[in-house]
Amino acid sequence: MAGEPAGERSGLELPSPASRDPSGAVTPRPLSMAVFGDSMAVGCGVDDQSLGLVPDIARDLAEAVGRPVQWETHGRLGATIRRVRYRLLPAFARHADLVVLCAGSNDIMAGRTLTSWEDDLAASVTLAGEKGDRVVVLSSGQLYRNRRLGRALRSQVETMIDRQTEVSKRVCQEAGVCYIDATHDDVGTDREDFWGSDGFHPSEIGYRKLAACVVGKMPKRLLADLAALD
């Protein structure tokens, strides 16, 4: 399994000229995005952090809202939502325009109960709301589509992810935060080039496809709100 790639865990993504304000107004300040999570958050499967999921999301988000996005990643290979709750979020001493939680796959693989998932996710969402003005929760990855796992294991993992997804939707709805189900969309996981060198995590291409899915499913009202920030 691939370890955490080298590279900076923060950066700035600029929108293309075509996506900026056509009136010629001064470029708005960058919106700040802090992402907390697991191996997908830190880009395992590629050679450098810059090729991973978070900068890809920032790049697509900058295009969608027409303003720069200052991103930073706080994650660990193998992290569960419990680590996000007790270690990663509490250590964040700043405040972001947008906080993104990216976890769940390790909770599935570790066999954590849905009750534990619900409790830790709800607490993490609450804490994330104290660390940022807006909160987005991402679903687990698409591990159940990886053919290297074998049909029986894939089926078992898929069932577990389906159940976790339903709990996550309910938690986020009750908290009034955005939940993005990016685990059930076809993003080309049947192609060999979707998976990284370890055959377990996404590749550079895979992360680009996942990021496009994530930003593409962000509610229009959220994008409009981020675009209009002072």
Foldseek 3Di string as FASTA:
>chain_A
DFAQAAEAQKDKAAADPVQADPVPDDADDAFEEEEEEENQLRAGQERYSCLGQFVLLQNVLCSLLVHMYIYGYHYGHLDALQCLLPPGLVVDPAAGQEYEYAHDLSCLVVVPDLVVLLVSLLSNVVSNVVRYVAYEYEAHAQQLLQPVVPPVVSVVSVVVSVVSVVSNVVSCVVVVHHYAYLHPDCQPNVDPQQGGPVSRHGYSSVSNSSSCSRNVPPDPVVSNVSSPDD
